[in-house]
Amino acid sequence: MYYVYILKLSNNTYYTGVTDNLARRVKYHNKGNVPYTRKFRPVELEGYIAFKSKTKALEFERYLKSGSGVAFRNKRLI
């Protein structure tokens, strides 16, 4: 499975990513191993969506990072 996840950062912004191991990835973020989120720790898993296809997960992540995807995320997912 591939997971598109949304993290809430310590500065009250959100980070969206994709992984095949959700628990490990959240730990990486909290340990400071991800440069973008390092200075905004601790991070909190806000939600995730599972996909069987890596391609579909990457497409959905790309959508959530677009303008209409951010609006969708804010209205429907968080």
C-alpha atoms as a PDB file:
ATOM      1  CA  MET A   1       0.000   0.000   0.000  1.00  0.00           C
ATOM      2  CA  TYR A   2       1.000   3.597  -0.609  1.00  0.00           C
ATOM      3  CA  TYR A   3      -0.132   6.365   1.706  1.00  0.00           C
ATOM      4  CA  VAL A   4      -0.735  10.025   1.018  1.00  0.00           C
ATOM      5  CA  TYR A   5      -0.402  11.669   4.403  1.00  0.00           C
ATOM      6  CA  ILE A   6      -1.004  15.093   5.877  1.00  0.00           C
ATOM      7  CA  LEU A   7       1.085  16.315   8.783  1.00  0.00           C
ATOM      8  CA  LYS A   8       0.312  19.277  10.980  1.00  0.00           C
ATOM      9  CA  LEU A   9       3.531  21.107  11.761  1.00  0.00           C
ATOM     10  CA  SER A  10       4.365  22.982  14.962  1.00  0.00           C
ATOM     11  CA  ASN A  11       3.794  26.324  13.182  1.00  0.00           C
ATOM     12  CA  ASN A  12       0.181  25.255  12.384  1.00  0.00           C
ATOM     13  CA  THR A  13       0.836  24.683   8.681  1.00  0.00           C
ATOM     14  CA  TYR A  14       0.443  21.408   6.813  1.00  0.00           C
ATOM     15  CA  TYR A  15       2.808  19.129   4.928  1.00  0.00           C
ATOM     16  CA  THR A  16       1.628  16.542   2.402  1.00  0.00           C
ATOM     17  CA  GLY A  17       3.705  13.555   1.364  1.00  0.00           C
ATOM     18  CA  VAL A  18       3.554   9.989   0.087  1.00  0.00           C
ATOM     19  CA  THR A  19       5.177   6.821   1.462  1.00  0.00           C
ATOM     20  CA  ASP A  20       4.866   3.056   1.539  1.00  0.00           C
ATOM     21  CA  ASN A  21       5.570   2.891   5.288  1.00  0.00           C
ATOM     22  CA  LEU A  22       3.551   5.475   7.170  1.00  0.00           C
ATOM     23  CA  ALA A  23       4.770   4.801  10.724  1.00  0.00           C
ATOM     24  CA  ARG A  24       8.428   4.923   9.692  1.00  0.00           C
ATOM     25  CA  ARG A  25       7.928   8.117   7.680  1.00  0.00           C
ATOM     26  CA  VAL A  26       6.245   9.988  10.546  1.00  0.00           C
ATOM     27  CA  LYS A  27       9.131   8.935  12.824  1.00  0.00           C
ATOM     28  CA  TYR A  28      11.623  10.273  10.244  1.00  0.00           C
ATOM     29  CA  HIS A  29       9.818  13.609  10.233  1.00  0.00           C
ATOM     30  CA  ASN A  30       9.843  13.808  14.036  1.00  0.00           C
ATOM     31  CA  LYS A  31      13.522  12.841  14.283  1.00  0.00           C
ATOM     32  CA  GLY A  32      14.464  15.698  11.941  1.00  0.00           C
ATOM     33  CA  ASN A  33      15.528  13.484   9.036  1.00  0.00           C
ATOM     34  CA  VAL A  34      13.340  15.366   6.539  1.00  0.00           C
ATOM     35  CA  PRO A  35      14.896  18.765   5.753  1.00  0.00           C
ATOM     36  CA  TYR A  36      11.626  20.583   4.971  1.00  0.00           C
ATOM     37  CA  THR A  37       9.927  19.710   8.275  1.00  0.00           C
ATOM     38  CA  ARG A  38      13.040  19.654  10.501  1.00  0.00           C
ATOM     39  CA  LYS A  39      12.522  23.144  11.938  1.00  0.00           C
ATOM     40  CA  PHE A  40       8.784  22.615  12.518  1.00  0.00           C
ATOM     41  CA  ARG A  41       8.906  19.650  14.892  1.00  0.00           C
ATOM     42  CA  PRO A  42       7.089  17.993  16.458  1.00  0.00           C
ATOM     43  CA  VAL A  43       4.793  16.997  13.625  1.00  0.00           C
ATOM     44  CA  GLU A  44       1.407  15.361  14.117  1.00  0.00           C
ATOM     45  CA  LEU A  45      -0.258  12.983  11.670  1.00  0.00           C
ATOM     46  CA  GLU A  46      -3.494  14.720  10.705  1.00  0.00           C
ATOM     47  CA  GLY A  47      -4.748  12.060   8.287  1.00  0.00           C
ATOM     48  CA  TYR A  48      -3.889   9.704   5.461  1.00  0.00           C
ATOM     49  CA  ILE A  49      -5.415   7.933   2.483  1.00  0.00           C
ATOM     50  CA  ALA A  50      -4.237   4.494   1.309  1.00  0.00           C
ATOM     51  CA  PHE A  51      -3.828   3.506  -2.344  1.00  0.00           C
ATOM     52  CA  LYS A  52      -2.934   0.181  -3.934  1.00  0.00           C
ATOM     53  CA  SER A  53      -1.211   1.954  -6.812  1.00  0.00           C
ATOM     54  CA  LYS A  54       1.905   4.082  -6.380  1.00  0.00           C
ATOM     55  CA  THR A  55       0.908   6.072  -9.464  1.00  0.00           C
ATOM     56  CA  LYS A  56      -2.507   6.930  -8.009  1.00  0.00           C
ATOM     57  CA  ALA A  57      -0.933   7.940  -4.696  1.00  0.00           C
ATOM     58  CA  LEU A  58       1.531  10.258  -6.443  1.00  0.00           C
ATOM     59  CA  GLU A  59      -1.265  11.771  -8.552  1.00  0.00           C
ATOM     60  CA  PHE A  60      -3.375  12.450  -5.457  1.00  0.00           C
ATOM     61  CA  GLU A  61      -0.410  13.966  -3.609  1.00  0.00           C
ATOM     62  CA  ARG A  62       0.218  16.274  -6.572  1.00  0.00           C
ATOM     63  CA  TYR A  63      -3.468  17.267  -6.566  1.00  0.00           C
ATOM     64  CA  LEU A  64      -3.453  18.025  -2.821  1.00  0.00           C
ATOM     65  CA  LYS A  65      -0.506  20.371  -3.373  1.00  0.00           C
ATOM     66  CA  SER A  66      -2.384  22.329  -6.061  1.00  0.00           C
ATOM     67  CA  GLY A  67      -4.575  25.331  -5.314  1.00  0.00           C
ATOM     68  CA  SER A  68      -7.853  23.433  -5.623  1.00  0.00           C
ATOM     69  CA  GLY A  69      -6.338  20.488  -3.750  1.00  0.00           C
ATOM     70  CA  VAL A  70      -5.426  22.700  -0.793  1.00  0.00           C
ATOM     71  CA  ALA A  71      -9.026  23.975  -0.716  1.00  0.00           C
ATOM     72  CA  PHE A  72     -10.292  20.359  -0.862  1.00  0.00           C
ATOM     73  CA  ARG A  73      -7.914  19.346   1.946  1.00  0.00           C
ATOM     74  CA  ASN A  74      -8.997  22.210   4.154  1.00  0.00           C
ATOM     75  CA  LYS A  75     -12.709  21.622   3.577  1.00  0.00           C
ATOM     76  CA  ARG A  76     -12.914  17.821   3.494  1.00  0.00           C
ATOM     77  CA  LEU A  77      -9.840  16.231   5.055  1.00  0.00           C
ATOM     78  CA  ILE A  78      -8.773  18.295   8.054  1.00  0.00           C
END
